[in-house]
Amino acid sequence: MGAPLYDIHVTTISGEERSLADYADKVLLIVNTASKCGFTPQYEGLEQLYRCYRDRGFEVLGFPCNQFGGQEPGTESEIQAFCQLNYQVDFPLFAKLEVNGENAHPLYRFLKGEARGLLGSEAIKWNFTKFLVNRQGEVVKRFAPATLPSKLATEIEAIL
């Protein structure tokens, strides 16, 4: 449980502080989300992955972010209601955070440092960038926003 990821604390969408150590020994898909984005329908695919693999130690962790086109303007309670009403989201959602810039959350500073994007860029380019993390807390791969959740099943199964 010595992975740096597990030293990071986050806030749930209902306002509770939580350590990522709570997810030690699980395969994680960490995603920055938004409710008013062209990629928002990916919530459905993320929930399908979660339902398919959660019994095998898989978690999807959704982190709403309003840094891209102001596409997540709502409060945490509005975001949670939207996700449950429209996509029956049951996977854990967290408080809004920033993924880029000087106020980037420590989680995203860690993820970006571990897995760079296109052409070696560290910055998150848009909503629904996905990071796959193994049971040891190591970032295995970064996926672009356009990569559909359904395309990740093989990669997830390989590390479950």
N, C-alpha and C. Protein backbone atom coordinates (compact mmCIF):
# COMPACT_ATOMS: atom_id res chain seq x y z
N MET A 1 0.83 -1.20 0.00
CA MET A 1 0.00 0.00 0.00
C MET A 1 0.86 1.25 0.00
N GLY A 2 2.10 1.14 -0.50
CA GLY A 2 3.00 2.27 -0.50
C GLY A 2 2.93 3.12 -1.75
N ALA A 3 2.02 2.85 -2.68
CA ALA A 3 1.94 3.61 -3.92
C ALA A 3 1.54 5.06 -3.62
N PRO A 4 2.20 6.03 -4.29
CA PRO A 4 1.89 7.45 -4.06
C PRO A 4 0.41 7.79 -4.27
N LEU A 5 -0.25 7.08 -5.18
CA LEU A 5 -1.67 7.32 -5.42
C LEU A 5 -2.47 7.19 -4.13
N TYR A 6 -2.09 6.24 -3.31
CA TYR A 6 -2.87 5.95 -2.10
C TYR A 6 -2.65 6.96 -0.98
N ASP A 7 -1.73 7.90 -1.17
CA ASP A 7 -1.51 8.98 -0.21
C ASP A 7 -2.43 10.18 -0.48
N ILE A 8 -3.12 10.14 -1.59
CA ILE A 8 -3.95 11.28 -2.02
C ILE A 8 -5.34 11.18 -1.41
N HIS A 9 -5.85 12.34 -0.98
CA HIS A 9 -7.20 12.43 -0.42
C HIS A 9 -8.10 13.19 -1.39
N VAL A 10 -9.35 12.77 -1.45
CA VAL A 10 -10.34 13.38 -2.32
C VAL A 10 -11.61 13.61 -1.52
N THR A 11 -12.52 14.37 -2.09
CA THR A 11 -13.80 14.65 -1.45
C THR A 11 -14.91 14.02 -2.29
N THR A 12 -15.77 13.24 -1.65
CA THR A 12 -16.87 12.62 -2.37
C THR A 12 -17.86 13.69 -2.81
N ILE A 13 -18.75 13.32 -3.70
CA ILE A 13 -19.73 14.29 -4.18
C ILE A 13 -20.68 14.73 -3.06
N SER A 14 -20.77 13.93 -2.00
CA SER A 14 -21.60 14.31 -0.86
C SER A 14 -20.80 15.03 0.23
N GLY A 15 -19.52 15.34 -0.07
CA GLY A 15 -18.74 16.18 0.82
C GLY A 15 -17.88 15.48 1.86
N GLU A 16 -17.74 14.16 1.77
CA GLU A 16 -16.93 13.43 2.75
C GLU A 16 -15.49 13.29 2.24
N GLU A 17 -14.54 13.49 3.16
CA GLU A 17 -13.13 13.29 2.80
C GLU A 17 -12.87 11.79 2.71
N ARG A 18 -12.08 11.42 1.72
CA ARG A 18 -11.81 10.01 1.50
C ARG A 18 -10.38 9.84 1.01
N SER A 19 -9.72 8.81 1.46
CA SER A 19 -8.36 8.51 1.00
C SER A 19 -8.45 7.53 -0.17
N LEU A 20 -7.62 7.72 -1.17
CA LEU A 20 -7.59 6.76 -2.27
C LEU A 20 -7.03 5.42 -1.82
N ALA A 21 -6.46 5.38 -0.62
CA ALA A 21 -6.03 4.10 -0.04
C ALA A 21 -7.24 3.17 0.14
N ASP A 22 -8.44 3.75 0.21
CA ASP A 22 -9.66 2.94 0.30
C ASP A 22 -9.84 2.07 -0.93
N TYR A 23 -9.16 2.42 -2.01
CA TYR A 23 -9.28 1.68 -3.27
C TYR A 23 -8.05 0.82 -3.56
N ALA A 24 -7.19 0.65 -2.56
CA ALA A 24 -6.01 -0.19 -2.74
C ALA A 24 -6.46 -1.59 -3.13
N ASP A 25 -5.69 -2.23 -3.96
CA ASP A 25 -5.95 -3.59 -4.44
C ASP A 25 -7.16 -3.67 -5.36
N LYS A 26 -7.56 -2.54 -5.94
CA LYS A 26 -8.62 -2.54 -6.95
C LYS A 26 -8.06 -1.97 -8.25
N VAL A 27 -8.65 -2.38 -9.36
CA VAL A 27 -8.35 -1.79 -10.65
C VAL A 27 -9.26 -0.57 -10.77
N LEU A 28 -8.68 0.57 -11.13
CA LEU A 28 -9.43 1.82 -11.19
C LEU A 28 -9.45 2.41 -12.60
N LEU A 29 -10.58 2.99 -12.94
CA LEU A 29 -10.67 3.84 -14.13
C LEU A 29 -11.07 5.21 -13.61
N ILE A 30 -10.14 6.16 -13.69
CA ILE A 30 -10.36 7.50 -13.16
C ILE A 30 -10.65 8.42 -14.34
N VAL A 31 -11.78 9.16 -14.25
CA VAL A 31 -12.28 9.93 -15.38
C VAL A 31 -12.70 11.32 -14.93
N ASN A 32 -12.28 12.35 -15.68
CA ASN A 32 -12.82 13.69 -15.42
C ASN A 32 -14.08 13.84 -16.27
N THR A 33 -15.17 14.20 -15.64
CA THR A 33 -16.48 14.16 -16.28
C THR A 33 -17.12 15.55 -16.37
N ALA A 34 -18.18 15.63 -17.16
CA ALA A 34 -18.97 16.86 -17.29
C ALA A 34 -20.36 16.49 -17.78
N SER A 35 -21.35 17.23 -17.32
CA SER A 35 -22.75 16.93 -17.62
C SER A 35 -23.26 17.55 -18.92
N LYS A 36 -22.56 18.53 -19.46
CA LYS A 36 -23.05 19.24 -20.64
C LYS A 36 -22.03 19.19 -21.78
N CYS A 37 -21.46 18.03 -21.99
CA CYS A 37 -20.39 17.84 -22.96
C CYS A 37 -20.87 16.87 -24.05
N GLY A 38 -20.28 16.97 -25.22
CA GLY A 38 -20.60 16.02 -26.28
C GLY A 38 -20.27 14.59 -25.89
N PHE A 39 -19.35 14.43 -24.95
CA PHE A 39 -18.96 13.09 -24.49
C PHE A 39 -19.78 12.61 -23.29
N THR A 40 -20.70 13.44 -22.80
CA THR A 40 -21.49 13.08 -21.61
C THR A 40 -22.16 11.71 -21.72
N PRO A 41 -22.65 11.30 -22.90
CA PRO A 41 -23.25 9.96 -23.00
C PRO A 41 -22.30 8.82 -22.61
N GLN A 42 -21.00 9.11 -22.48
CA GLN A 42 -20.07 8.08 -22.03
C GLN A 42 -20.38 7.64 -20.60
N TYR A 43 -21.13 8.43 -19.85
CA TYR A 43 -21.55 7.98 -18.52
C TYR A 43 -22.20 6.60 -18.61
N GLU A 44 -22.99 6.38 -19.67
CA GLU A 44 -23.67 5.10 -19.84
C GLU A 44 -22.66 3.96 -19.98
N GLY A 45 -21.66 4.15 -20.83
CA GLY A 45 -20.64 3.12 -21.02
C GLY A 45 -19.79 2.90 -19.78
N LEU A 46 -19.49 3.98 -19.07
CA LEU A 46 -18.72 3.85 -17.83
C LEU A 46 -19.51 3.04 -16.81
N GLU A 47 -20.80 3.30 -16.71
CA GLU A 47 -21.64 2.54 -15.77
C GLU A 47 -21.72 1.08 -16.19
N GLN A 48 -21.77 0.80 -17.48
CA GLN A 48 -21.80 -0.59 -17.95
C GLN A 48 -20.50 -1.31 -17.56
N LEU A 49 -19.36 -0.66 -17.74
CA LEU A 49 -18.09 -1.26 -17.32
C LEU A 49 -18.10 -1.53 -15.82
N TYR A 50 -18.56 -0.56 -15.06
CA TYR A 50 -18.60 -0.70 -13.61
C TYR A 50 -19.45 -1.90 -13.20
N ARG A 51 -20.64 -1.99 -13.78
CA ARG A 51 -21.54 -3.11 -13.43
C ARG A 51 -20.98 -4.45 -13.85
N CYS A 52 -20.27 -4.46 -14.96
CA CYS A 52 -19.71 -5.70 -15.48
C CYS A 52 -18.56 -6.23 -14.63
N TYR A 53 -17.72 -5.33 -14.14
CA TYR A 53 -16.47 -5.75 -13.49
C TYR A 53 -16.35 -5.46 -12.00
N ARG A 54 -17.32 -4.77 -11.42
CA ARG A 54 -17.15 -4.38 -10.01
C ARG A 54 -17.00 -5.57 -9.07
N ASP A 55 -17.64 -6.68 -9.38
CA ASP A 55 -17.53 -7.85 -8.52
C ASP A 55 -16.15 -8.50 -8.59
N ARG A 56 -15.34 -8.05 -9.55
CA ARG A 56 -13.98 -8.58 -9.69
C ARG A 56 -12.93 -7.58 -9.18
N GLY A 57 -13.39 -6.53 -8.48
CA GLY A 57 -12.45 -5.57 -7.91
C GLY A 57 -12.15 -4.39 -8.81
N PHE A 58 -13.14 -3.93 -9.56
CA PHE A 58 -12.98 -2.80 -10.47
C PHE A 58 -13.85 -1.63 -10.01
N GLU A 59 -13.30 -0.44 -10.07
CA GLU A 59 -14.04 0.77 -9.71
C GLU A 59 -13.85 1.83 -10.79
N VAL A 60 -14.92 2.54 -11.09
CA VAL A 60 -14.85 3.75 -11.89
C VAL A 60 -14.96 4.89 -10.90
N LEU A 61 -14.06 5.86 -11.00
CA LEU A 61 -14.10 7.03 -10.13
C LEU A 61 -14.30 8.26 -11.00
N GLY A 62 -15.44 8.94 -10.85
CA GLY A 62 -15.77 10.09 -11.68
C GLY A 62 -15.50 11.40 -10.95
N PHE A 63 -14.73 12.28 -11.61
CA PHE A 63 -14.37 13.56 -11.04
C PHE A 63 -14.88 14.69 -11.94
N PRO A 64 -16.02 15.28 -11.60
CA PRO A 64 -16.55 16.39 -12.39
C PRO A 64 -15.55 17.56 -12.45
N CYS A 65 -15.50 18.19 -13.61
CA CYS A 65 -14.57 19.30 -13.83
C CYS A 65 -15.24 20.33 -14.74
N ASN A 66 -15.11 21.60 -14.38
CA ASN A 66 -15.73 22.67 -15.16
C ASN A 66 -14.70 23.48 -15.94
N GLN A 67 -13.53 22.91 -16.20
CA GLN A 67 -12.46 23.67 -16.85
C GLN A 67 -12.54 23.68 -18.37
N PHE A 68 -13.43 22.91 -18.96
CA PHE A 68 -13.48 22.81 -20.41
C PHE A 68 -14.82 23.33 -20.92
N GLY A 69 -14.82 24.54 -21.39
CA GLY A 69 -16.03 25.12 -21.96
C GLY A 69 -17.15 25.33 -20.95
N GLY A 70 -16.83 25.35 -19.66
CA GLY A 70 -17.86 25.54 -18.64
C GLY A 70 -18.96 24.48 -18.71
N GLN A 71 -18.57 23.26 -19.05
CA GLN A 71 -19.55 22.19 -19.30
C GLN A 71 -19.97 21.42 -18.05
N GLU A 72 -19.52 21.87 -16.89
CA GLU A 72 -19.98 21.27 -15.63
C GLU A 72 -20.27 22.40 -14.63
N PRO A 73 -21.31 23.21 -14.94
CA PRO A 73 -21.58 24.39 -14.11
C PRO A 73 -22.34 24.10 -12.82
N GLY A 74 -22.93 22.93 -12.71
CA GLY A 74 -23.82 22.64 -11.58
C GLY A 74 -23.12 22.44 -10.25
N THR A 75 -23.93 22.40 -9.20
CA THR A 75 -23.43 22.06 -7.87
C THR A 75 -23.25 20.55 -7.79
N GLU A 76 -22.59 20.10 -6.75
CA GLU A 76 -22.40 18.66 -6.58
C GLU A 76 -23.74 17.93 -6.53
N SER A 77 -24.73 18.48 -5.82
CA SER A 77 -26.02 17.79 -5.75
C SER A 77 -26.72 17.76 -7.10
N GLU A 78 -26.57 18.82 -7.89
CA GLU A 78 -27.15 18.84 -9.24
C GLU A 78 -26.46 17.82 -10.14
N ILE A 79 -25.16 17.73 -10.02
CA ILE A 79 -24.39 16.77 -10.83
C ILE A 79 -24.82 15.34 -10.48
N GLN A 80 -24.89 15.06 -9.19
CA GLN A 80 -25.28 13.72 -8.74
C GLN A 80 -26.68 13.37 -9.24
N ALA A 81 -27.62 14.29 -9.11
CA ALA A 81 -28.99 14.05 -9.56
C ALA A 81 -29.03 13.81 -11.07
N PHE A 82 -28.29 14.62 -11.83
CA PHE A 82 -28.23 14.47 -13.28
C PHE A 82 -27.72 13.09 -13.66
N CYS A 83 -26.63 12.67 -13.03
CA CYS A 83 -26.01 11.39 -13.36
C CYS A 83 -26.93 10.21 -13.02
N GLN A 84 -27.60 10.30 -11.90
CA GLN A 84 -28.49 9.21 -11.51
C GLN A 84 -29.75 9.19 -12.36
N LEU A 85 -30.33 10.35 -12.62
CA LEU A 85 -31.57 10.42 -13.39
C LEU A 85 -31.36 10.01 -14.85
N ASN A 86 -30.30 10.51 -15.48
CA ASN A 86 -30.09 10.30 -16.90
C ASN A 86 -29.30 9.05 -17.25
N TYR A 87 -28.41 8.62 -16.35
CA TYR A 87 -27.52 7.51 -16.69
C TYR A 87 -27.47 6.42 -15.61
N GLN A 88 -28.30 6.55 -14.57
CA GLN A 88 -28.34 5.56 -13.48
C GLN A 88 -26.94 5.27 -12.94
N VAL A 89 -26.12 6.31 -12.83
CA VAL A 89 -24.74 6.16 -12.36
C VAL A 89 -24.72 5.67 -10.92
N ASP A 90 -24.05 4.57 -10.71
CA ASP A 90 -23.90 3.96 -9.39
C ASP A 90 -22.44 3.97 -8.94
N PHE A 91 -21.52 4.24 -9.88
CA PHE A 91 -20.11 4.28 -9.50
C PHE A 91 -19.83 5.58 -8.72
N PRO A 92 -18.76 5.59 -7.92
CA PRO A 92 -18.47 6.74 -7.08
C PRO A 92 -18.19 8.02 -7.87
N LEU A 93 -18.86 9.09 -7.45
CA LEU A 93 -18.60 10.42 -7.99
C LEU A 93 -18.00 11.27 -6.88
N PHE A 94 -17.22 12.25 -7.28
CA PHE A 94 -16.51 13.07 -6.32
C PHE A 94 -16.82 14.55 -6.55
N ALA A 95 -16.36 15.38 -5.64
CA ALA A 95 -16.57 16.82 -5.75
C ALA A 95 -15.83 17.35 -6.98
N LYS A 96 -16.36 18.45 -7.52
CA LYS A 96 -15.71 19.08 -8.66
C LYS A 96 -14.28 19.45 -8.30
N LEU A 97 -13.41 19.30 -9.28
CA LEU A 97 -12.02 19.69 -9.07
C LEU A 97 -11.44 20.21 -10.37
N GLU A 98 -10.23 20.75 -10.28
CA GLU A 98 -9.52 21.21 -11.46
C GLU A 98 -8.47 20.17 -11.82
N VAL A 99 -8.28 19.96 -13.12
CA VAL A 99 -7.32 18.97 -13.60
C VAL A 99 -6.07 19.59 -14.20
N ASN A 100 -6.15 20.87 -14.55
CA ASN A 100 -5.02 21.59 -15.14
C ASN A 100 -4.76 22.88 -14.37
N GLY A 101 -3.58 23.43 -14.58
CA GLY A 101 -3.25 24.73 -14.01
C GLY A 101 -2.73 24.65 -12.59
N GLU A 102 -2.52 25.83 -12.01
CA GLU A 102 -1.91 25.88 -10.68
C GLU A 102 -2.81 25.33 -9.60
N ASN A 103 -4.11 25.26 -9.84
CA ASN A 103 -5.04 24.70 -8.86
C ASN A 103 -5.43 23.26 -9.16
N ALA A 104 -4.67 22.62 -10.03
CA ALA A 104 -4.95 21.21 -10.35
C ALA A 104 -4.88 20.38 -9.06
N HIS A 105 -5.84 19.50 -8.90
CA HIS A 105 -5.89 18.63 -7.73
C HIS A 105 -4.66 17.71 -7.72
N PRO A 106 -4.13 17.38 -6.53
CA PRO A 106 -2.98 16.47 -6.46
C PRO A 106 -3.19 15.14 -7.20
N LEU A 107 -4.42 14.65 -7.24
CA LEU A 107 -4.69 13.42 -7.97
C LEU A 107 -4.32 13.59 -9.44
N TYR A 108 -4.75 14.70 -10.03
CA TYR A 108 -4.48 14.90 -11.46
C TYR A 108 -3.03 15.29 -11.72
N ARG A 109 -2.39 15.93 -10.77
CA ARG A 109 -0.95 16.18 -10.91
C ARG A 109 -0.22 14.83 -10.99
N PHE A 110 -0.63 13.90 -10.13
CA PHE A 110 -0.03 12.56 -10.12
C PHE A 110 -0.32 11.82 -11.43
N LEU A 111 -1.59 11.75 -11.81
CA LEU A 111 -1.97 11.00 -13.01
C LEU A 111 -1.26 11.51 -14.25
N LYS A 112 -1.24 12.83 -14.42
CA LYS A 112 -0.62 13.42 -15.61
C LYS A 112 0.88 13.17 -15.65
N GLY A 113 1.50 13.14 -14.48
CA GLY A 113 2.93 12.87 -14.42
C GLY A 113 3.27 11.42 -14.75
N GLU A 114 2.34 10.53 -14.47
CA GLU A 114 2.55 9.11 -14.70
C GLU A 114 2.24 8.68 -16.13
N ALA A 115 1.30 9.34 -16.77
CA ALA A 115 0.88 8.94 -18.13
C ALA A 115 0.59 10.19 -18.94
N ARG A 116 1.49 10.49 -19.84
CA ARG A 116 1.33 11.68 -20.68
C ARG A 116 0.36 11.39 -21.83
N GLY A 117 -0.15 12.48 -22.37
CA GLY A 117 -1.10 12.37 -23.47
C GLY A 117 -0.42 12.43 -24.83
N LEU A 118 -1.18 12.83 -25.81
CA LEU A 118 -0.72 12.92 -27.19
C LEU A 118 0.53 13.78 -27.30
N LEU A 119 1.51 13.31 -28.04
CA LEU A 119 2.77 14.01 -28.27
C LEU A 119 3.50 14.36 -26.98
N GLY A 120 3.28 13.55 -25.93
CA GLY A 120 3.98 13.77 -24.68
C GLY A 120 3.42 14.87 -23.82
N SER A 121 2.28 15.41 -24.19
CA SER A 121 1.66 16.49 -23.42
C SER A 121 1.17 15.97 -22.07
N GLU A 122 1.35 16.78 -21.04
CA GLU A 122 0.87 16.40 -19.73
C GLU A 122 -0.56 16.89 -19.49
N ALA A 123 -0.92 18.01 -20.10
CA ALA A 123 -2.22 18.62 -19.84
C ALA A 123 -3.38 17.72 -20.26
N ILE A 124 -4.45 17.80 -19.49
CA ILE A 124 -5.71 17.15 -19.87
C ILE A 124 -6.32 18.03 -20.95
N LYS A 125 -6.71 17.43 -22.08
CA LYS A 125 -7.20 18.21 -23.20
C LYS A 125 -8.71 18.49 -23.14
N TRP A 126 -9.48 17.58 -22.51
CA TRP A 126 -10.94 17.77 -22.50
C TRP A 126 -11.55 16.83 -21.47
N ASN A 127 -12.85 16.95 -21.32
CA ASN A 127 -13.61 16.07 -20.43
C ASN A 127 -13.51 14.62 -20.90
N PHE A 128 -13.65 13.71 -19.96
CA PHE A 128 -13.67 12.27 -20.21
C PHE A 128 -12.32 11.69 -20.65
N THR A 129 -11.24 12.33 -20.21
CA THR A 129 -9.92 11.70 -20.31
C THR A 129 -9.91 10.60 -19.24
N LYS A 130 -9.41 9.43 -19.59
CA LYS A 130 -9.50 8.27 -18.70
C LYS A 130 -8.11 7.74 -18.36
N PHE A 131 -7.93 7.38 -17.08
CA PHE A 131 -6.68 6.77 -16.63
C PHE A 131 -7.00 5.41 -16.04
N LEU A 132 -6.32 4.38 -16.54
CA LEU A 132 -6.49 3.02 -16.02
C LEU A 132 -5.35 2.75 -15.04
N VAL A 133 -5.72 2.32 -13.83
CA VAL A 133 -4.76 2.11 -12.74
C VAL A 133 -4.86 0.66 -12.28
N ASN A 134 -3.70 0.00 -12.10
CA ASN A 134 -3.71 -1.40 -11.68
C ASN A 134 -3.87 -1.54 -10.16
N ARG A 135 -3.91 -2.76 -9.69
CA ARG A 135 -4.15 -3.04 -8.26
C ARG A 135 -3.02 -2.55 -7.36
N GLN A 136 -1.88 -2.22 -7.94
CA GLN A 136 -0.74 -1.72 -7.17
C GLN A 136 -0.71 -0.19 -7.12
N GLY A 137 -1.72 0.44 -7.72
CA GLY A 137 -1.78 1.90 -7.71
C GLY A 137 -0.92 2.55 -8.77
N GLU A 138 -0.55 1.78 -9.80
CA GLU A 138 0.27 2.29 -10.90
C GLU A 138 -0.60 2.62 -12.10
N VAL A 139 -0.36 3.77 -12.71
CA VAL A 139 -1.11 4.15 -13.90
C VAL A 139 -0.61 3.30 -15.06
N VAL A 140 -1.51 2.54 -15.65
CA VAL A 140 -1.18 1.63 -16.74
C VAL A 140 -1.29 2.33 -18.09
N LYS A 141 -2.35 3.15 -18.26
CA LYS A 141 -2.58 3.76 -19.56
C LYS A 141 -3.51 4.96 -19.42
N ARG A 142 -3.33 5.89 -20.34
CA ARG A 142 -4.19 7.08 -20.44
C ARG A 142 -4.95 6.97 -21.75
N PHE A 143 -6.25 7.27 -21.70
CA PHE A 143 -7.10 7.19 -22.89
C PHE A 143 -7.69 8.56 -23.21
N ALA A 144 -7.75 8.88 -24.48
CA ALA A 144 -8.29 10.15 -24.93
C ALA A 144 -9.79 10.24 -24.67
N PRO A 145 -10.32 11.48 -24.59
CA PRO A 145 -11.75 11.67 -24.36
C PRO A 145 -12.63 10.93 -25.37
N ALA A 146 -12.21 10.86 -26.62
CA ALA A 146 -13.03 10.21 -27.66
C ALA A 146 -13.04 8.69 -27.54
N THR A 147 -12.14 8.11 -26.76
CA THR A 147 -12.12 6.65 -26.61
C THR A 147 -13.34 6.21 -25.82
N LEU A 148 -14.19 5.44 -26.45
CA LEU A 148 -15.42 4.99 -25.79
C LEU A 148 -15.11 3.98 -24.70
N PRO A 149 -15.84 4.05 -23.59
CA PRO A 149 -15.63 3.08 -22.51
C PRO A 149 -15.68 1.63 -22.99
N SER A 150 -16.56 1.33 -23.94
CA SER A 150 -16.69 -0.05 -24.43
C SER A 150 -15.38 -0.56 -25.03
N LYS A 151 -14.52 0.34 -25.49
CA LYS A 151 -13.24 -0.04 -26.09
C LYS A 151 -12.19 -0.39 -25.04
N LEU A 152 -12.51 -0.20 -23.75
CA LEU A 152 -11.54 -0.43 -22.68
C LEU A 152 -11.66 -1.81 -22.05
N ALA A 153 -12.69 -2.56 -22.39
CA ALA A 153 -12.95 -3.84 -21.73
C ALA A 153 -11.75 -4.79 -21.78
N THR A 154 -11.12 -4.91 -22.91
CA THR A 154 -9.98 -5.83 -23.05
C THR A 154 -8.83 -5.41 -22.14
N GLU A 155 -8.57 -4.12 -22.10
CA GLU A 155 -7.48 -3.60 -21.25
C GLU A 155 -7.80 -3.82 -19.78
N ILE A 156 -9.04 -3.63 -19.40
CA ILE A 156 -9.46 -3.82 -18.01
C ILE A 156 -9.33 -5.30 -17.63
N GLU A 157 -9.85 -6.16 -18.49
CA GLU A 157 -9.80 -7.61 -18.21
C GLU A 157 -8.36 -8.09 -18.07
N ALA A 158 -7.45 -7.50 -18.82
CA ALA A 158 -6.05 -7.93 -18.79
C ALA A 158 -5.39 -7.70 -17.43
N ILE A 159 -5.87 -6.70 -16.68
CA ILE A 159 -5.24 -6.43 -15.38
C ILE A 159 -6.12 -6.81 -14.19
N LEU A 160 -7.32 -7.30 -14.47
CA LEU A 160 -8.17 -7.78 -13.37
C LEU A 160 -7.61 -9.10 -12.87
